[in-house]
């Protein structure tokens, strides 16, 4: 929720990342909204499993995009690894919700 919130609010540090990655402002804000919706969906998924799984799938796609964006600008392995860790957590959450 935090990363989505800073994108939607347009915090300075978030805008610097956006510019570094070369992402258009409207797309950056949309990504933030999708991150917020995904986080809320996963939380709701604790009661409504199907919604949680769909939200986790959406977050998985967002994380794949984040990793690709970082690779495109040749970000450090540490930054890419951090996104991979989040990706693993999201996939693990989806799997956990299913079982």
Protein backbone atom coordinates (compact mmCIF):
# COMPACT_ATOMS: atom_id res chain seq x y z
CA UNK A 1 0.00 0.00 0.00
CA UNK A 2 2.87 2.34 0.77
CA UNK A 3 4.41 2.25 -2.70
CA UNK A 4 1.03 2.79 -4.32
CA UNK A 5 0.24 5.64 -1.96
CA UNK A 6 3.46 7.55 -2.65
CA UNK A 7 2.84 7.24 -6.39
CA UNK A 8 -0.72 8.52 -6.12
CA UNK A 9 0.31 11.35 -3.81
CA UNK A 10 3.24 12.27 -6.06
CA UNK A 11 5.85 12.41 -3.31
CA UNK A 12 9.20 13.82 -4.44
CA UNK A 13 11.16 10.58 -3.99
CA UNK A 14 8.54 8.69 -5.97
CA UNK A 15 8.68 11.22 -8.79
CA UNK A 16 12.45 10.85 -8.94
CA UNK A 17 12.07 7.08 -9.38
CA UNK A 18 9.40 7.65 -12.04
CA UNK A 19 11.68 9.96 -13.98
CA UNK A 20 14.65 7.61 -13.61
CA UNK A 21 12.57 4.74 -15.01
CA UNK A 22 11.19 6.93 -17.81
CA UNK A 23 7.54 6.28 -16.98
CA UNK A 24 4.92 8.84 -18.03
CA UNK A 25 3.18 10.66 -15.13
CA UNK A 26 -0.34 9.33 -15.91
CA UNK A 27 0.95 5.75 -16.10
CA UNK A 28 2.86 6.22 -12.82
CA UNK A 29 -0.31 7.36 -11.08
CA UNK A 30 -2.27 4.44 -12.60
CA UNK A 31 0.36 2.01 -11.34
CA UNK A 32 -0.06 3.54 -7.88
CA UNK A 33 -3.83 3.13 -8.01
CA UNK A 34 -3.43 -0.49 -9.15
CA UNK A 35 -0.97 -1.16 -6.32
CA UNK A 36 -3.42 0.26 -3.78
CA UNK A 37 -6.27 -1.76 -5.26
CA UNK A 38 -4.12 -4.89 -5.30
CA UNK A 39 -3.13 -4.49 -1.66
CA UNK A 40 -6.75 -3.91 -0.65
CA UNK A 41 -7.83 -6.90 -2.72
CA UNK A 42 -5.31 -9.18 -1.04
CA UNK A 43 -6.54 -8.04 2.39
CA UNK A 44 -10.16 -8.60 1.38
CA UNK A 45 -8.99 -11.94 0.00
CA UNK A 46 -8.54 -13.14 3.54
CA UNK A 47 -12.36 -13.40 3.54
CA UNK A 48 -13.11 -13.66 -0.19
CA UNK A 49 -10.47 -16.01 -1.57
CA UNK A 50 -11.15 -15.48 -5.28
CA UNK A 51 -10.71 -11.71 -4.96
CA UNK A 52 -7.46 -12.16 -3.07
CA UNK A 53 -6.06 -14.50 -5.69
CA UNK A 54 -7.02 -12.15 -8.52
CA UNK A 55 -5.47 -9.21 -6.67
CA UNK A 56 -2.27 -11.18 -6.09
CA UNK A 57 -2.14 -12.05 -9.79
CA UNK A 58 -2.50 -8.37 -10.62
CA UNK A 59 0.29 -7.48 -8.20
CA UNK A 60 2.43 -10.22 -9.75
CA UNK A 61 2.01 -8.60 -13.16
CA UNK A 62 2.89 -5.20 -11.71
CA UNK A 63 6.05 -6.62 -10.12
CA UNK A 64 7.08 -8.24 -13.39
CA UNK A 65 6.70 -4.82 -15.01
CA UNK A 66 8.74 -3.21 -12.23
CA UNK A 67 11.54 -5.74 -12.70
CA UNK A 68 11.52 -5.22 -16.46
CA UNK A 69 11.60 -1.43 -16.00
CA UNK A 70 14.56 -1.66 -13.64
CA UNK A 71 16.40 -4.00 -16.00
CA UNK A 72 15.74 -1.65 -18.93
CA UNK A 73 17.52 1.25 -17.19
CA UNK A 74 20.21 -1.10 -15.86
CA UNK A 75 19.45 -0.53 -12.20
CA UNK A 76 21.65 -2.25 -9.65
CA UNK A 77 21.26 -5.92 -8.85
CA UNK A 78 20.27 -4.90 -5.31
CA UNK A 79 17.25 -2.89 -6.53
CA UNK A 80 16.21 -5.63 -8.92
CA UNK A 81 16.62 -8.23 -6.20
CA UNK A 82 14.38 -6.20 -3.88
CA UNK A 83 11.64 -6.29 -6.53
CA UNK A 84 12.17 -10.02 -7.03
CA UNK A 85 11.72 -10.55 -3.28
CA UNK A 86 8.43 -8.65 -3.40
CA UNK A 87 7.40 -10.74 -6.42
CA UNK A 88 8.12 -13.95 -4.49
CA UNK A 89 6.08 -12.67 -1.54
CA UNK A 90 3.13 -11.83 -3.79
CA UNK A 91 3.21 -15.22 -5.52
CA UNK A 92 3.52 -16.95 -2.15
CA UNK A 93 0.49 -14.99 -0.93
CA UNK A 94 -1.53 -16.10 -3.96
CA UNK A 95 -0.56 -19.72 -3.41
CA UNK A 96 -1.40 -19.47 0.30
CA UNK A 97 -4.83 -18.02 -0.45
CA UNK A 98 -5.60 -20.89 -2.81
CA UNK A 99 -4.70 -23.53 -0.20
